[in-house]
Amino acid sequence: MKMYIYEKKILMVMFFLIDAVGYLFALPLRIFRKEAVLVPKKILIIRLDHIGDVVEATVVLKPLRKKLPDAEIVFMAHSRSKDILEKNPHIDKVISFDAPWFDRKSHKAVRYLKALAQMINTIRTGSFNAAVDLRGDVRHITAMFFAGVKSRISYGITGGGFLLTHIIPYRKKSHETEKNIMLLGPFGITAGSFGTELYYSEKDAEKAESLKKDAGISDKYAVMHAFPGHSSKKWNADKFRAVTRYLRSEKGLQVVIVGTASEEAYIKGLKGPEEDDGVIDISGKTGLGMLGHILKKASIFVGLDSGPSHIAAAEGVPGVVLFSGVNDPGQWAPRSEKIKIIYPGEGKDLSGVSTEEVCGAIDEVLDKSQK
């Protein structure tokens, strides 16, 4: 049962039993199946979870397009990720699908079942020859199977592997981008030097420049994102505020805060009581396309393990990312030679990370970028 990534033993046992029966019935089909390199006419790529995961998923698009230039490539993702996908030249179509099982506030089984039925119908309507679920999620695997997709590729780490035509070994310690490339094996694509790529619309670029002008953002600025997707990834607001002062006074940079409008109280803690303290809040005012354009022109990014940190890495922006011990940075951290990861150690939160350590990392990253 080590093949499963579940923490709860009851889920491990349940899916072990389901898979044991499923593999038994699927065995005759696997014995007589001929392994051949897939050359589908229409491919579906599925990545429905978080922004950072979608950014890392873009690594598969260029090699897939190069290998299969005539294939139609469709990407299914959450609607919030659309802005960083729809202008990608290697994608023919983006399907927005907001899976409730990735909504941290939603736990209603009826809603899950309705969404799964909708997902099955959406995939079936697309008439795909092949589908790749980059997460290895049993719900997505189930949807691919019941939608009648001929070639179904993913991991068996959450169960349902017997529903796949191609089960890819899950190398837990490999970085997410490397694991994504491994899923392209059935198409004859092997590991290589591939990077994440993001594209934005001209409209988003124009809107971003207009916002910068209206907000009074200069040519030299740092982007800060201090709002994690999970409470275990938080860092003290007073420490963040000290870092903003350092960026302003020692580095001569404006500090531009990005995020959602819902963190207003936290943002006030970062800005402080001063009316004009060199900290500009544009949280809640940018989509991902606008954010990407603003990040691209920043002197440095400073923030937590979150979607914006992955966008900054993809754009080659120098950055300092605070990465809590909840996850392994070797697997999940933004991947870029220009990003400095501050990691307290496995299982540790960020409370032990000092302001001095972060400011020292800022010095290191900026000095390196200026050479």
Protein backbone atom coordinates (compact mmCIF):
# COMPACT_ATOMS: atom_id res chain seq x y z
CA MET A 1 0.00 0.00 0.00
CA LYS A 2 3.03 2.26 -0.20
CA MET A 3 1.96 3.15 -3.73
CA TYR A 4 -0.81 5.39 -2.36
CA ILE A 5 -0.22 8.95 -1.19
CA TYR A 6 -3.10 9.02 1.29
CA GLU A 7 -2.25 9.83 4.91
CA LYS A 8 -5.38 8.16 6.30
CA LYS A 9 -5.01 4.39 6.55
CA ILE A 10 -8.72 3.81 5.97
CA LEU A 11 -8.41 5.37 2.50
CA MET A 12 -5.33 3.29 1.73
CA VAL A 13 -7.11 0.09 2.69
CA MET A 14 -10.29 1.03 0.83
CA PHE A 15 -8.54 1.81 -2.46
CA PHE A 16 -6.21 -1.17 -2.08
CA LEU A 17 -9.25 -3.47 -1.97
CA ILE A 18 -11.01 -1.69 -4.82
CA ASP A 19 -7.87 -1.79 -6.96
CA ALA A 20 -7.20 -5.45 -6.15
CA VAL A 21 -10.57 -6.41 -7.62
CA GLY A 22 -10.26 -3.93 -10.48
CA TYR A 23 -6.80 -5.09 -11.56
CA LEU A 24 -8.01 -8.70 -11.48
CA PHE A 25 -10.78 -7.96 -13.98
CA ALA A 26 -8.51 -5.71 -16.09
CA LEU A 27 -5.67 -8.26 -16.26
CA PRO A 28 -6.85 -10.09 -19.43
CA LEU A 29 -7.04 -6.80 -21.32
CA ARG A 30 -3.55 -5.80 -20.20
CA ILE A 31 -2.04 -9.14 -21.21
CA PHE A 32 -3.21 -8.84 -24.82
CA ARG A 33 -2.74 -5.08 -25.20
CA LYS A 34 -0.04 -4.09 -27.68
CA GLU A 35 2.25 -1.33 -26.44
CA ALA A 36 2.91 1.27 -29.12
CA VAL A 37 3.79 4.95 -29.23
CA LEU A 38 0.58 6.96 -29.18
CA VAL A 39 -0.17 9.30 -32.08
CA PRO A 40 -3.59 10.74 -31.16
CA LYS A 41 -5.43 13.39 -33.14
CA LYS A 42 -6.94 15.04 -30.08
CA ILE A 43 -5.30 15.17 -26.62
CA LEU A 44 -6.70 16.38 -23.31
CA ILE A 45 -4.35 17.59 -20.56
CA ILE A 46 -5.98 17.81 -17.11
CA ARG A 47 -4.71 19.95 -14.22
CA LEU A 48 -7.59 21.20 -12.11
CA ASP A 49 -5.99 22.20 -8.83
CA HIS A 50 -3.90 25.24 -7.93
CA ILE A 51 -2.24 28.03 -9.91
CA GLY A 52 1.31 26.94 -9.09
CA ASP A 53 0.51 23.40 -10.24
CA VAL A 54 -0.85 24.73 -13.54
CA VAL A 55 2.30 26.82 -14.07
CA GLU A 56 4.43 23.69 -13.55
CA ALA A 57 2.13 21.80 -15.93
CA THR A 58 3.00 24.09 -18.84
CA VAL A 59 6.29 22.21 -19.11
CA VAL A 60 4.52 19.46 -21.09
CA LEU A 61 3.08 21.67 -23.82
CA LYS A 62 6.07 22.56 -25.98
CA PRO A 63 7.50 19.01 -26.23
CA LEU A 64 4.02 17.62 -26.86
CA ARG A 65 3.42 20.10 -29.68
CA LYS A 66 6.86 19.40 -31.17
CA LYS A 67 6.24 15.64 -31.13
CA LEU A 68 2.65 15.87 -32.40
CA PRO A 69 2.43 19.03 -34.54
CA ASP A 70 -0.88 18.07 -36.14
CA ALA A 71 -2.68 17.03 -32.96
CA GLU A 72 -5.30 19.19 -31.28
CA ILE A 73 -4.16 19.89 -27.71
CA VAL A 74 -6.82 20.88 -25.18
CA PHE A 75 -6.07 21.92 -21.60
CA MET A 76 -8.66 21.54 -18.82
CA ALA A 77 -8.03 23.76 -15.79
CA HIS A 78 -9.78 25.87 -13.16
CA SER A 79 -11.23 29.12 -14.53
CA ARG A 80 -8.80 31.18 -12.43
CA SER A 81 -5.90 29.75 -14.49
CA LYS A 82 -7.37 30.66 -17.89
CA ASP A 83 -5.38 33.90 -18.23
CA ILE A 84 -2.03 32.07 -18.23
CA LEU A 85 -3.15 29.35 -20.66
CA GLU A 86 -5.37 30.72 -23.41
CA LYS A 87 -2.58 32.62 -25.22
CA ASN A 88 -0.16 29.69 -25.12
CA PRO A 89 0.66 28.88 -28.78
CA HIS A 90 0.95 25.17 -27.98
CA ILE A 91 -2.68 24.94 -26.80
CA ASP A 92 -5.60 24.86 -29.23
CA LYS A 93 -8.33 25.23 -26.62
CA VAL A 94 -8.75 25.79 -22.88
CA ILE A 95 -11.67 24.21 -21.02
CA SER A 96 -12.53 25.85 -17.70
CA PHE A 97 -13.75 23.41 -15.06
CA ASP A 98 -13.97 24.38 -11.39
CA ALA A 99 -13.73 21.10 -9.51
CA PRO A 100 -15.32 21.47 -6.05
CA TRP A 101 -12.97 18.87 -4.54
CA PHE A 102 -10.19 21.48 -4.68
CA ASP A 103 -12.32 24.08 -2.94
CA ARG A 104 -11.12 24.09 0.68
CA LYS A 105 -14.54 25.33 1.83
CA SER A 106 -16.63 22.75 0.00
CA HIS A 107 -17.14 19.24 1.38
CA LYS A 108 -20.60 18.28 0.09
CA ALA A 109 -20.75 14.81 -1.48
CA VAL A 110 -23.77 15.66 -3.66
CA ARG A 111 -21.93 18.60 -5.17
CA TYR A 112 -18.92 16.35 -5.85
CA LEU A 113 -21.05 13.77 -7.66
CA LYS A 114 -22.78 16.39 -9.80
CA ALA A 115 -19.43 17.90 -10.74
CA LEU A 116 -17.99 14.47 -11.60
CA ALA A 117 -20.96 13.78 -13.89
CA GLN A 118 -20.44 17.17 -15.52
CA MET A 119 -16.74 16.44 -16.00
CA ILE A 120 -17.51 13.09 -17.63
CA ASN A 121 -19.97 14.75 -20.00
CA THR A 122 -17.52 17.53 -20.88
CA ILE A 123 -14.75 15.06 -21.71
CA ARG A 124 -17.10 12.79 -23.66
CA THR A 125 -18.31 15.74 -25.74
CA GLY A 126 -14.70 16.54 -26.64
CA SER A 127 -14.17 13.14 -28.33
CA PHE A 128 -10.56 12.84 -27.18
CA ASN A 129 -8.30 10.03 -28.38
CA ALA A 130 -5.97 10.43 -25.40
CA ALA A 131 -6.11 12.14 -22.01
CA VAL A 132 -3.39 12.79 -19.44
CA ASP A 133 -4.21 13.62 -15.84
CA LEU A 134 -1.09 15.26 -14.46
CA ARG A 135 -2.18 14.86 -10.84
CA GLY A 136 -3.05 11.17 -10.66
CA ASP A 137 -6.45 11.88 -9.14
CA VAL A 138 -8.92 9.00 -8.94
CA ARG A 139 -11.82 11.34 -9.75
CA HIS A 140 -10.17 12.50 -12.97
CA ILE A 141 -9.18 8.94 -13.86
CA THR A 142 -12.79 7.85 -13.34
CA ALA A 143 -14.02 10.69 -15.55
CA MET A 144 -11.60 9.76 -18.36
CA PHE A 145 -12.74 6.13 -18.20
CA PHE A 146 -16.48 6.74 -18.22
CA ALA A 147 -16.09 9.42 -20.91
CA GLY A 148 -14.76 6.71 -23.20
CA VAL A 149 -11.27 8.12 -23.82
CA LYS A 150 -9.30 5.40 -25.62
CA SER A 151 -5.83 6.12 -24.14
CA ARG A 152 -5.84 7.17 -20.48
CA ILE A 153 -2.54 8.16 -18.88
CA SER A 154 -1.75 8.99 -15.24
CA TYR A 155 -0.47 7.60 -11.92
CA GLY A 156 -2.28 5.07 -9.73
CA ILE A 157 -1.36 6.87 -6.49
CA THR A 158 -4.92 7.68 -5.37
CA GLY A 159 -6.56 4.52 -6.67
CA GLY A 160 -8.27 3.61 -9.91
CA GLY A 161 -5.08 2.64 -11.71
CA PHE A 162 -6.86 -0.32 -13.28
CA LEU A 163 -8.99 2.20 -15.22
CA LEU A 164 -5.89 3.52 -16.99
CA THR A 165 -4.38 2.20 -20.20
CA HIS A 166 -0.97 3.59 -19.27
CA ILE A 167 0.11 3.68 -15.60
CA ILE A 168 3.21 5.80 -15.11
CA PRO A 169 5.51 5.08 -12.12
CA TYR A 170 5.28 7.87 -9.54
CA ARG A 171 8.70 9.11 -8.47
CA LYS A 172 7.83 10.95 -5.29
CA LYS A 173 11.17 12.70 -4.79
CA SER A 174 11.34 14.07 -8.33
CA HIS A 175 10.35 17.68 -8.95
CA GLU A 176 6.83 18.25 -10.25
CA THR A 177 8.08 19.42 -13.65
CA GLU A 178 10.09 16.21 -14.06
CA LYS A 179 7.10 14.07 -13.09
CA ASN A 180 4.98 15.93 -15.64
CA ILE A 181 7.43 15.12 -18.43
CA MET A 182 7.47 11.44 -17.40
CA LEU A 183 3.74 11.31 -18.11
CA LEU A 184 4.50 11.99 -21.78
CA GLY A 185 6.37 8.70 -22.15
CA PRO A 186 3.51 6.95 -24.01
CA PHE A 187 3.82 9.60 -26.75
CA GLY A 188 7.50 8.79 -27.21
CA ILE A 189 8.69 11.86 -25.30
CA THR A 190 11.53 11.23 -22.86
CA ALA A 191 13.05 13.37 -20.13
CA GLY A 192 14.89 16.43 -21.35
CA SER A 193 15.60 20.07 -20.61
CA PHE A 194 12.15 21.60 -20.70
CA GLY A 195 10.96 24.71 -18.89
CA THR A 196 7.68 26.31 -17.90
CA GLU A 197 6.36 28.95 -20.28
CA LEU A 198 3.64 31.54 -19.74
CA TYR A 199 1.96 33.78 -22.30
CA TYR A 200 -0.38 36.73 -21.75
CA SER A 201 -2.70 38.77 -23.92
CA GLU A 202 -1.81 42.25 -25.17
CA LYS A 203 -4.96 43.46 -23.45
CA ASP A 204 -3.67 42.22 -20.08
CA ALA A 205 -0.33 43.93 -20.72
CA GLU A 206 -2.09 47.23 -21.50
CA LYS A 207 -4.29 46.92 -18.40
CA ALA A 208 -1.25 46.16 -16.25
CA GLU A 209 0.62 49.21 -17.51
CA SER A 210 -2.45 51.37 -16.94
CA LEU A 211 -2.79 50.06 -13.38
CA LYS A 212 0.89 50.74 -12.69
CA LYS A 213 0.51 54.30 -13.91
CA ASP A 214 -2.66 54.95 -11.90
CA ALA A 215 -1.15 53.42 -8.75
CA GLY A 216 2.06 55.42 -9.08
CA ILE A 217 4.34 52.40 -9.50
CA SER A 218 7.82 53.40 -10.65
CA ASP A 219 10.28 51.49 -12.84
CA LYS A 220 12.04 50.02 -9.80
CA TYR A 221 9.81 47.94 -7.61
CA ALA A 222 9.58 44.70 -5.66
CA VAL A 223 6.49 42.51 -5.74
CA MET A 224 5.42 40.96 -2.45
CA HIS A 225 2.88 38.18 -1.98
CA ALA A 226 2.35 37.38 1.69
CA PHE A 227 -0.85 35.36 1.58
CA PRO A 228 -0.50 31.57 1.51
CA GLY A 229 -3.16 29.15 0.37
CA HIS A 230 -2.89 27.34 3.70
CA SER A 231 -2.43 28.58 7.27
CA SER A 232 0.59 26.28 7.77
CA LYS A 233 2.52 28.39 5.25
CA LYS A 234 2.09 31.76 6.98
CA TRP A 235 4.89 34.06 8.10
CA ASN A 236 4.55 36.78 10.73
CA ALA A 237 3.06 40.04 9.39
CA ASP A 238 5.43 42.19 11.48
CA LYS A 239 8.39 40.40 9.91
CA PHE A 240 6.99 41.00 6.44
CA ARG A 241 6.54 44.65 7.32
CA ALA A 242 10.19 44.85 8.39
CA VAL A 243 11.17 43.38 5.02
CA THR A 244 9.12 46.02 3.19
CA ARG A 245 11.00 48.73 5.12
CA TYR A 246 14.31 47.10 4.16
CA LEU A 247 13.37 46.94 0.48
CA ARG A 248 12.45 50.63 0.54
CA SER A 249 15.21 52.11 2.69
CA GLU A 250 18.16 49.88 1.76
CA LYS A 251 17.33 48.84 -1.79
CA GLY A 252 15.42 51.91 -2.99
CA LEU A 253 12.49 49.86 -4.24
CA GLN A 254 8.79 50.49 -4.04
CA VAL A 255 6.94 47.51 -2.61
CA VAL A 256 3.91 46.37 -4.59
CA ILE A 257 1.61 44.02 -2.68
CA VAL A 258 -0.38 41.52 -4.73
CA GLY A 259 -3.05 39.07 -3.67
CA THR A 260 -6.81 38.89 -3.35
CA ALA A 261 -9.09 41.58 -1.96
CA SER A 262 -10.14 39.29 0.90
CA GLU A 263 -6.90 39.80 2.84
CA GLU A 264 -7.53 43.51 3.54
CA ALA A 265 -6.81 43.30 7.29
CA TYR A 266 -3.52 41.50 6.70
CA ILE A 267 -2.51 44.02 4.06
CA LYS A 268 -2.98 46.87 6.54
CA GLY A 269 -0.50 45.10 8.79
CA LEU A 270 2.05 45.10 5.98
CA LYS A 271 1.52 48.73 5.02
CA GLY A 272 1.58 50.16 8.51
CA PRO A 273 -0.16 53.33 9.72
CA GLU A 274 1.84 55.72 7.52
CA GLU A 275 -0.14 57.29 4.71
CA ASP A 276 2.82 57.36 2.33
CA ASP A 277 5.20 54.59 3.23
CA GLY A 278 6.25 53.45 -0.25
CA VAL A 279 4.02 50.37 -0.12
CA ILE A 280 1.43 50.13 -2.89
CA ASP A 281 -1.46 47.71 -2.58
CA ILE A 282 -2.92 46.37 -5.83
CA SER A 283 -4.39 43.20 -4.32
CA GLY A 284 -7.69 42.21 -5.87
CA LYS A 285 -7.04 44.40 -8.92
CA THR A 286 -5.21 41.97 -11.18
CA GLY A 287 -6.02 38.77 -13.00
CA LEU A 288 -3.20 36.31 -13.58
CA GLY A 289 -2.36 37.81 -16.96
CA MET A 290 -1.94 41.29 -15.50
CA LEU A 291 -0.04 39.86 -12.54
CA GLY A 292 2.36 38.03 -14.84
CA HIS A 293 3.11 41.22 -16.75
CA ILE A 294 3.72 43.16 -13.51
CA LEU A 295 5.96 40.41 -12.14
CA LYS A 296 7.94 40.23 -15.38
CA LYS A 297 9.14 43.81 -14.94
CA ALA A 298 9.82 43.64 -11.18
CA SER A 299 13.32 43.93 -9.73
CA ILE A 300 12.58 41.13 -7.27
CA PHE A 301 9.76 38.96 -5.93
CA VAL A 302 9.48 38.25 -2.21
CA GLY A 303 6.79 35.97 -0.87
CA LEU A 304 5.49 32.62 0.22
CA ASP A 305 5.02 29.31 -1.55
CA SER A 306 2.05 30.21 -3.75
CA GLY A 307 0.91 30.73 -7.33
CA PRO A 308 2.65 34.10 -7.80
CA SER A 309 6.00 32.60 -6.75
CA HIS A 310 5.71 30.03 -9.55
CA ILE A 311 4.77 32.74 -12.05
CA ALA A 312 7.81 34.78 -10.97
CA ALA A 313 10.05 31.74 -11.46
CA ALA A 314 8.59 31.04 -14.90
CA GLU A 315 9.29 34.65 -15.91
CA GLY A 316 12.88 34.49 -14.70
CA VAL A 317 12.35 37.15 -12.03
CA PRO A 318 14.88 37.17 -9.16
CA GLY A 319 13.10 36.11 -6.01
CA VAL A 320 13.12 34.98 -2.40
CA VAL A 321 10.48 32.39 -1.49
CA LEU A 322 9.70 31.26 2.05
CA PHE A 323 8.85 27.58 1.83
CA SER A 324 7.42 25.93 4.96
CA GLY A 325 8.24 22.37 5.99
CA VAL A 326 4.73 21.17 5.12
CA ASN A 327 5.95 20.31 1.61
CA ASP A 328 9.27 19.18 0.16
CA PRO A 329 10.88 22.00 -1.86
CA GLY A 330 12.69 19.38 -3.93
CA GLN A 331 9.30 18.38 -5.29
CA TRP A 332 7.20 21.52 -5.17
CA ALA A 333 9.31 24.69 -4.97
CA PRO A 334 9.33 27.20 -7.85
CA ARG A 335 12.13 26.11 -10.15
CA SER A 336 14.53 28.81 -11.26
CA GLU A 337 18.22 29.57 -10.79
CA LYS A 338 17.18 33.11 -9.88
CA ILE A 339 14.95 32.03 -6.98
CA LYS A 340 16.37 31.62 -3.47
CA ILE A 341 14.35 29.18 -1.34
CA ILE A 342 14.31 29.67 2.43
CA TYR A 343 13.36 26.33 3.98
CA PRO A 344 13.27 25.77 7.78
CA GLY A 345 13.36 21.98 7.48
CA GLU A 346 10.92 19.10 7.18
CA GLY A 347 7.84 19.49 9.36
CA LYS A 348 8.80 22.97 10.58
CA ASP A 349 6.75 26.12 10.09
CA LEU A 350 8.15 29.54 9.20
CA SER A 351 8.11 30.98 12.73
CA GLY A 352 11.85 30.35 13.12
CA VAL A 353 12.75 32.26 9.95
CA SER A 354 14.15 35.68 10.89
CA THR A 355 13.84 39.00 9.13
CA GLU A 356 17.64 39.12 8.90
CA GLU A 357 17.72 35.82 7.03
CA VAL A 358 15.19 37.05 4.48
CA CYS A 359 16.94 40.40 4.02
CA GLY A 360 20.25 38.59 3.58
CA ALA A 361 18.67 36.43 0.88
CA ILE A 362 17.36 39.57 -0.83
CA ASP A 363 20.90 40.98 -0.89
CA GLU A 364 22.23 37.74 -2.34
CA VAL A 365 19.60 37.50 -5.07
CA LEU A 366 19.82 41.15 -6.12
CA ASP A 367 23.63 41.10 -6.16
CA LYS A 368 23.59 37.98 -8.33
CA SER A 369 21.05 39.49 -10.75
CA GLN A 370 23.20 42.61 -11.26
CA LYS A 371 26.35 40.71 -12.25
